[in-house]
Amino acid sequence: MIKYSCTKSISEEIYYATLIAEDVQQAKQMAIDETNAKWHGNGGRSRDWSVRVLESEVDGPARILDCGYHEA
């Protein structure tokens, strides 16, 4: 498993998620799902999200560690 940081901006809002996933695609989908659940459909599409590896070889399972947003 890998620890990721995912970010996405809409206008003046920046959404972020820190999570553990198997790969980049799973990380993006988890960020979308969590954002949609918390902020009613603001998750967008997979290509809208930027993903960065924070740490490799992390113990599973896949999970969201933190998710939020702030104004730019």
PDB file of N, CA and C in Angstrom:
ATOM      1  N   MET A   1       0.853  -1.180   0.000  1.00  0.00           N
ATOM      2  CA  MET A   1       0.000   0.000   0.000  1.00  0.00           C
ATOM      3  C   MET A   1       0.895   1.239   0.000  1.00  0.00           C
ATOM      4  N   ILE A   2       0.312   2.337  -0.464  1.00  0.00           N
ATOM      5  CA  ILE A   2       1.055   3.584  -0.600  1.00  0.00           C
ATOM      6  C   ILE A   2       0.229   4.722   0.004  1.00  0.00           C
ATOM      7  N   LYS A   3       0.892   5.629   0.689  1.00  0.00           N
ATOM      8  CA  LYS A   3       0.236   6.808   1.250  1.00  0.00           C
ATOM      9  C   LYS A   3       0.310   7.931   0.217  1.00  0.00           C
ATOM     10  N   TYR A   4      -0.862   8.513  -0.110  1.00  0.00           N
ATOM     11  CA  TYR A   4      -0.961   9.552  -1.135  1.00  0.00           C
ATOM     12  C   TYR A   4      -1.544  10.850  -0.581  1.00  0.00           C
ATOM     13  N   SER A   5      -1.196  11.933  -1.246  1.00  0.00           N
ATOM     14  CA  SER A   5      -1.847  13.217  -1.057  1.00  0.00           C
ATOM     15  C   SER A   5      -2.526  13.561  -2.372  1.00  0.00           C
ATOM     16  N   CYS A   6      -3.820  13.830  -2.324  1.00  0.00           N
ATOM     17  CA  CYS A   6      -4.594  14.165  -3.523  1.00  0.00           C
ATOM     18  C   CYS A   6      -5.157  15.575  -3.360  1.00  0.00           C
ATOM     19  N   THR A   7      -5.076  16.374  -4.422  1.00  0.00           N
ATOM     20  CA  THR A   7      -5.622  17.727  -4.381  1.00  0.00           C
ATOM     21  C   THR A   7      -6.384  18.040  -5.663  1.00  0.00           C
ATOM     22  N   LYS A   8      -7.344  18.945  -5.535  1.00  0.00           N
ATOM     23  CA  LYS A   8      -8.143  19.380  -6.666  1.00  0.00           C
ATOM     24  C   LYS A   8      -8.642  20.779  -6.364  1.00  0.00           C
ATOM     25  N   SER A   9      -8.631  21.657  -7.361  1.00  0.00           N
ATOM     26  CA  SER A   9      -9.134  23.011  -7.131  1.00  0.00           C
ATOM     27  C   SER A   9     -10.327  23.288  -8.029  1.00  0.00           C
ATOM     28  N   ILE A  10     -11.306  23.978  -7.446  1.00  0.00           N
ATOM     29  CA  ILE A  10     -12.489  24.459  -8.162  1.00  0.00           C
ATOM     30  C   ILE A  10     -12.605  25.930  -7.794  1.00  0.00           C
ATOM     31  N   SER A  11     -12.482  26.791  -8.787  1.00  0.00           N
ATOM     32  CA  SER A  11     -12.535  28.232  -8.536  1.00  0.00           C
ATOM     33  C   SER A  11     -11.544  28.598  -7.443  1.00  0.00           C
ATOM     34  N   GLU A  12     -12.074  29.049  -6.303  1.00  0.00           N
ATOM     35  CA  GLU A  12     -11.214  29.477  -5.203  1.00  0.00           C
ATOM     36  C   GLU A  12     -11.151  28.454  -4.078  1.00  0.00           C
ATOM     37  N   GLU A  13     -11.674  27.258  -4.315  1.00  0.00           N
ATOM     38  CA  GLU A  13     -11.651  26.217  -3.295  1.00  0.00           C
ATOM     39  C   GLU A  13     -10.648  25.134  -3.676  1.00  0.00           C
ATOM     40  N   ILE A  14      -9.895  24.672  -2.697  1.00  0.00           N
ATOM     41  CA  ILE A  14      -8.943  23.579  -2.892  1.00  0.00           C
ATOM     42  C   ILE A  14      -9.378  22.417  -2.006  1.00  0.00           C
ATOM     43  N   TYR A  15      -9.674  21.295  -2.633  1.00  0.00           N
ATOM     44  CA  TYR A  15     -10.056  20.085  -1.924  1.00  0.00           C
ATOM     45  C   TYR A  15      -8.826  19.201  -1.779  1.00  0.00           C
ATOM     46  N   TYR A  16      -8.728  18.487  -0.672  1.00  0.00           N
ATOM     47  CA  TYR A  16      -7.568  17.626  -0.461  1.00  0.00           C
ATOM     48  C   TYR A  16      -7.989  16.347   0.259  1.00  0.00           C
ATOM     49  N   ALA A  17      -7.199  15.316   0.049  1.00  0.00           N
ATOM     50  CA  ALA A  17      -7.393  14.058   0.757  1.00  0.00           C
ATOM     51  C   ALA A  17      -6.024  13.422   0.964  1.00  0.00           C
ATOM     52  N   THR A  18      -5.803  12.930   2.146  1.00  0.00           N
ATOM     53  CA  THR A  18      -4.619  12.128   2.450  1.00  0.00           C
ATOM     54  C   THR A  18      -5.154  10.729   2.716  1.00  0.00           C
ATOM     55  N   LEU A  19      -4.584   9.754   2.023  1.00  0.00           N
ATOM     56  CA  LEU A  19      -5.164   8.418   2.096  1.00  0.00           C
ATOM     57  C   LEU A  19      -4.139   7.335   1.807  1.00  0.00           C
ATOM     58  N   ILE A  20      -4.524   6.117   2.076  1.00  0.00           N
ATOM     59  CA  ILE A  20      -3.707   4.951   1.768  1.00  0.00           C
ATOM     60  C   ILE A  20      -4.471   4.129   0.738  1.00  0.00           C
ATOM     61  N   ALA A  21      -3.794   3.815  -0.368  1.00  0.00           N
ATOM     62  CA  ALA A  21      -4.415   3.079  -1.462  1.00  0.00           C
ATOM     63  C   ALA A  21      -3.385   2.172  -2.126  1.00  0.00           C
ATOM     64  N   GLU A  22      -3.873   1.285  -2.992  1.00  0.00           N
ATOM     65  CA  GLU A  22      -2.991   0.364  -3.707  1.00  0.00           C
ATOM     66  C   GLU A  22      -2.266   1.042  -4.869  1.00  0.00           C
ATOM     67  N   ASP A  23      -2.956   1.985  -5.550  1.00  0.00           N
ATOM     68  CA  ASP A  23      -2.366   2.651  -6.709  1.00  0.00           C
ATOM     69  C   ASP A  23      -2.998   4.021  -6.900  1.00  0.00           C
ATOM     70  N   VAL A  24      -2.489   4.763  -7.884  1.00  0.00           N
ATOM     71  CA  VAL A  24      -2.948   6.132  -8.138  1.00  0.00           C
ATOM     72  C   VAL A  24      -4.432   6.162  -8.484  1.00  0.00           C
ATOM     73  N   GLN A  25      -4.885   5.240  -9.323  1.00  0.00           N
ATOM     74  CA  GLN A  25      -6.292   5.238  -9.727  1.00  0.00           C
ATOM     75  C   GLN A  25      -7.214   5.022  -8.537  1.00  0.00           C
ATOM     76  N   GLN A  26      -6.855   4.095  -7.653  1.00  0.00           N
ATOM     77  CA  GLN A  26      -7.664   3.876  -6.458  1.00  0.00           C
ATOM     78  C   GLN A  26      -7.636   5.115  -5.566  1.00  0.00           C
ATOM     79  N   ALA A  27      -6.493   5.763  -5.454  1.00  0.00           N
ATOM     80  CA  ALA A  27      -6.380   6.983  -4.644  1.00  0.00           C
ATOM     81  C   ALA A  27      -7.311   8.069  -5.176  1.00  0.00           C
ATOM     82  N   LYS A  28      -7.300   8.271  -6.481  1.00  0.00           N
ATOM     83  CA  LYS A  28      -8.184   9.281  -7.079  1.00  0.00           C
ATOM     84  C   LYS A  28      -9.649   8.944  -6.827  1.00  0.00           C
ATOM     85  N   GLN A  29     -10.027   7.683  -7.008  1.00  0.00           N
ATOM     86  CA  GLN A  29     -11.421   7.294  -6.822  1.00  0.00           C
ATOM     87  C   GLN A  29     -11.849   7.443  -5.366  1.00  0.00           C
ATOM     88  N   MET A  30     -10.972   7.104  -4.440  1.00  0.00           N
ATOM     89  CA  MET A  30     -11.293   7.277  -3.023  1.00  0.00           C
ATOM     90  C   MET A  30     -11.469   8.755  -2.684  1.00  0.00           C
ATOM     91  N   ALA A  31     -10.623   9.624  -3.246  1.00  0.00           N
ATOM     92  CA  ALA A  31     -10.737  11.072  -3.014  1.00  0.00           C
ATOM     93  C   ALA A  31     -12.052  11.598  -3.582  1.00  0.00           C
ATOM     94  N   ILE A  32     -12.415  11.156  -4.769  1.00  0.00           N
ATOM     95  CA  ILE A  32     -13.683  11.567  -5.389  1.00  0.00           C
ATOM     96  C   ILE A  32     -14.853  11.126  -4.527  1.00  0.00           C
ATOM     97  N   ASP A  33     -14.876   9.865  -4.134  1.00  0.00           N
ATOM     98  CA  ASP A  33     -15.987   9.327  -3.343  1.00  0.00           C
ATOM     99  C   ASP A  33     -16.134  10.050  -2.006  1.00  0.00           C
ATOM    100  N   GLU A  34     -15.023  10.290  -1.322  1.00  0.00           N
ATOM    101  CA  GLU A  34     -15.080  10.971  -0.018  1.00  0.00           C
ATOM    102  C   GLU A  34     -15.536  12.421  -0.177  1.00  0.00           C
ATOM    103  N   THR A  35     -15.034  13.105  -1.191  1.00  0.00           N
ATOM    104  CA  THR A  35     -15.429  14.489  -1.438  1.00  0.00           C
ATOM    105  C   THR A  35     -16.909  14.571  -1.800  1.00  0.00           C
ATOM    106  N   ASN A  36     -17.376  13.665  -2.644  1.00  0.00           N
ATOM    107  CA  ASN A  36     -18.799  13.644  -3.002  1.00  0.00           C
ATOM    108  C   ASN A  36     -19.675  13.394  -1.787  1.00  0.00           C
ATOM    109  N   ALA A  37     -19.236  12.512  -0.903  1.00  0.00           N
ATOM    110  CA  ALA A  37     -20.016  12.196   0.296  1.00  0.00           C
ATOM    111  C   ALA A  37     -20.098  13.392   1.247  1.00  0.00           C
ATOM    112  N   LYS A  38     -19.006  14.130   1.381  1.00  0.00           N
ATOM    113  CA  LYS A  38     -18.969  15.243   2.335  1.00  0.00           C
ATOM    114  C   LYS A  38     -19.518  16.547   1.767  1.00  0.00           C
ATOM    115  N   TRP A  39     -19.299  16.780   0.459  1.00  0.00           N
ATOM    116  CA  TRP A  39     -19.662  18.073  -0.121  1.00  0.00           C
ATOM    117  C   TRP A  39     -20.540  17.950  -1.354  1.00  0.00           C
ATOM    118  N   HIS A  40     -21.411  16.974  -1.363  1.00  0.00           N
ATOM    119  CA  HIS A  40     -22.484  16.829  -2.344  1.00  0.00           C
ATOM    120  C   HIS A  40     -22.067  17.017  -3.796  1.00  0.00           C
ATOM    121  N   GLY A  41     -21.200  16.151  -4.265  1.00  0.00           N
ATOM    122  CA  GLY A  41     -20.897  16.113  -5.690  1.00  0.00           C
ATOM    123  C   GLY A  41     -19.766  16.980  -6.177  1.00  0.00           C
ATOM    124  N   ASN A  42     -18.935  17.505  -5.298  1.00  0.00           N
ATOM    125  CA  ASN A  42     -17.809  18.340  -5.727  1.00  0.00           C
ATOM    126  C   ASN A  42     -16.552  17.533  -6.051  1.00  0.00           C
ATOM    127  N   GLY A  43     -16.666  16.206  -6.064  1.00  0.00           N
ATOM    128  CA  GLY A  43     -15.510  15.352  -6.317  1.00  0.00           C
ATOM    129  C   GLY A  43     -14.978  15.414  -7.736  1.00  0.00           C
ATOM    130  N   GLY A  44     -15.848  15.731  -8.683  1.00  0.00           N
ATOM    131  CA  GLY A  44     -15.415  15.858 -10.069  1.00  0.00           C
ATOM    132  C   GLY A  44     -15.013  14.532 -10.698  1.00  0.00           C
ATOM    133  N   ARG A  45     -14.090  14.630 -11.639  1.00  0.00           N
ATOM    134  CA  ARG A  45     -13.612  13.458 -12.373  1.00  0.00           C
ATOM    135  C   ARG A  45     -12.199  13.114 -11.953  1.00  0.00           C
ATOM    136  N   SER A  46     -11.789  11.921 -12.293  1.00  0.00           N
ATOM    137  CA  SER A  46     -10.457  11.431 -11.928  1.00  0.00           C
ATOM    138  C   SER A  46      -9.360  12.360 -12.443  1.00  0.00           C
ATOM    139  N   ARG A  47      -9.493  12.846 -13.656  1.00  0.00           N
ATOM    140  CA  ARG A  47      -8.449  13.696 -14.243  1.00  0.00           C
ATOM    141  C   ARG A  47      -8.330  15.060 -13.556  1.00  0.00           C
ATOM    142  N   ASP A  48      -9.326  15.423 -12.753  1.00  0.00           N
ATOM    143  CA  ASP A  48      -9.295  16.701 -12.034  1.00  0.00           C
ATOM    144  C   ASP A  48      -8.343  16.680 -10.833  1.00  0.00           C
ATOM    145  N   TRP A  49      -7.964  15.499 -10.384  1.00  0.00           N
ATOM    146  CA  TRP A  49      -7.181  15.349  -9.165  1.00  0.00           C
ATOM    147  C   TRP A  49      -5.695  15.192  -9.451  1.00  0.00           C
ATOM    148  N   SER A  50      -4.876  15.884  -8.671  1.00  0.00           N
ATOM    149  CA  SER A  50      -3.419  15.694  -8.693  1.00  0.00           C
ATOM    150  C   SER A  50      -3.060  14.767  -7.537  1.00  0.00           C
ATOM    151  N   VAL A  51      -2.144  13.851  -7.799  1.00  0.00           N
ATOM    152  CA  VAL A  51      -1.790  12.855  -6.788  1.00  0.00           C
ATOM    153  C   VAL A  51      -0.279  12.846  -6.594  1.00  0.00           C
ATOM    154  N   ARG A  52       0.136  12.790  -5.337  1.00  0.00           N
ATOM    155  CA  ARG A  52       1.554  12.735  -5.000  1.00  0.00           C
ATOM    156  C   ARG A  52       1.779  11.631  -3.965  1.00  0.00           C
ATOM    157  N   VAL A  53       2.828  10.872  -4.164  1.00  0.00           N
ATOM    158  CA  VAL A  53       3.178   9.819  -3.207  1.00  0.00           C
ATOM    159  C   VAL A  53       3.858  10.466  -2.003  1.00  0.00           C
ATOM    160  N   LEU A  54       3.354  10.156  -0.820  1.00  0.00           N
ATOM    161  CA  LEU A  54       3.959  10.656   0.411  1.00  0.00           C
ATOM    162  C   LEU A  54       4.877   9.618   1.042  1.00  0.00           C
ATOM    163  N   GLU A  55       4.469   8.335   0.924  1.00  0.00           N
ATOM    164  CA  GLU A  55       5.239   7.274   1.555  1.00  0.00           C
ATOM    165  C   GLU A  55       4.874   5.945   0.895  1.00  0.00           C
ATOM    166  N   SER A  56       5.880   5.154   0.572  1.00  0.00           N
ATOM    167  CA  SER A  56       5.609   3.840  -0.008  1.00  0.00           C
ATOM    168  C   SER A  56       5.718   2.769   1.068  1.00  0.00           C
ATOM    169  N   GLU A  57       5.188   1.605   0.770  1.00  0.00           N
ATOM    170  CA  GLU A  57       5.229   0.458   1.669  1.00  0.00           C
ATOM    171  C   GLU A  57       4.606   0.760   3.033  1.00  0.00           C
ATOM    172  N   VAL A  58       3.357   1.202   2.999  1.00  0.00           N
ATOM    173  CA  VAL A  58       2.586   1.509   4.201  1.00  0.00           C
ATOM    174  C   VAL A  58       1.640   0.342   4.464  1.00  0.00           C
ATOM    175  N   ASP A  59       1.402   0.030   5.713  1.00  0.00           N
ATOM    176  CA  ASP A  59       0.464  -1.034   6.057  1.00  0.00           C
ATOM    177  C   ASP A  59      -0.952  -0.647   5.652  1.00  0.00           C
ATOM    178  N   GLY A  60      -1.699  -1.610   5.105  1.00  0.00           N
ATOM    179  CA  GLY A  60      -3.095  -1.413   4.712  1.00  0.00           C
ATOM    180  C   GLY A  60      -3.992  -1.501   5.926  1.00  0.00           C
ATOM    181  N   PRO A  61      -5.266  -1.482   5.719  1.00  0.00           N
ATOM    182  CA  PRO A  61      -6.007  -1.490   4.467  1.00  0.00           C
ATOM    183  C   PRO A  61      -6.134  -0.095   3.864  1.00  0.00           C
ATOM    184  N   ALA A  62      -6.694  -0.054   2.647  1.00  0.00           N
ATOM    185  CA  ALA A  62      -6.968   1.233   1.995  1.00  0.00           C
ATOM    186  C   ALA A  62      -7.941   2.021   2.863  1.00  0.00           C
ATOM    187  N   ARG A  63      -7.633   3.308   3.062  1.00  0.00           N
ATOM    188  CA  ARG A  63      -8.509   4.136   3.907  1.00  0.00           C
ATOM    189  C   ARG A  63      -8.185   5.615   3.731  1.00  0.00           C
ATOM    190  N   ILE A  64      -9.149   6.446   4.063  1.00  0.00           N
ATOM    191  CA  ILE A  64      -8.985   7.893   4.084  1.00  0.00           C
ATOM    192  C   ILE A  64      -8.405   8.270   5.438  1.00  0.00           C
ATOM    193  N   LEU A  65      -7.344   9.065   5.446  1.00  0.00           N
ATOM    194  CA  LEU A  65      -6.753   9.537   6.696  1.00  0.00           C
ATOM    195  C   LEU A  65      -7.255  10.932   7.037  1.00  0.00           C
ATOM    196  N   ASP A  66      -7.437  11.765   6.014  1.00  0.00           N
ATOM    197  CA  ASP A  66      -7.908  13.140   6.211  1.00  0.00           C
ATOM    198  C   ASP A  66      -8.503  13.625   4.902  1.00  0.00           C
ATOM    199  N   CYS A  67      -9.522  14.467   4.986  1.00  0.00           N
ATOM    200  CA  CYS A  67     -10.152  15.020   3.794  1.00  0.00           C
ATOM    201  C   CYS A  67     -10.780  16.348   4.174  1.00  0.00           C
ATOM    202  N   GLY A  68     -10.593  17.351   3.320  1.00  0.00           N
ATOM    203  CA  GLY A  68     -11.160  18.652   3.617  1.00  0.00           C
ATOM    204  C   GLY A  68     -11.010  19.605   2.453  1.00  0.00           C
ATOM    205  N   TYR A  69     -11.292  20.882   2.719  1.00  0.00           N
ATOM    206  CA  TYR A  69     -11.089  21.901   1.705  1.00  0.00           C
ATOM    207  C   TYR A  69     -10.851  23.240   2.370  1.00  0.00           C
ATOM    208  N   HIS A  70     -10.260  24.139   1.624  1.00  0.00           N
ATOM    209  CA  HIS A  70     -10.091  25.511   2.100  1.00  0.00           C
ATOM    210  C   HIS A  70     -10.119  26.446   0.906  1.00  0.00           C
ATOM    211  N   GLU A  71     -10.354  27.705   1.167  1.00  0.00           N
ATOM    212  CA  GLU A  71     -10.386  28.693   0.090  1.00  0.00           C
ATOM    213  C   GLU A  71      -8.974  29.134  -0.238  1.00  0.00           C
ATOM    214  N   ALA A  72      -8.722  29.299  -1.522  1.00  0.00           N
ATOM    215  CA  ALA A  72      -7.390  29.691  -1.984  1.00  0.00           C
ATOM    216  C   ALA A  72      -7.088  31.133  -1.647  1.00  0.00           C
TER     217      ALA A  72
END
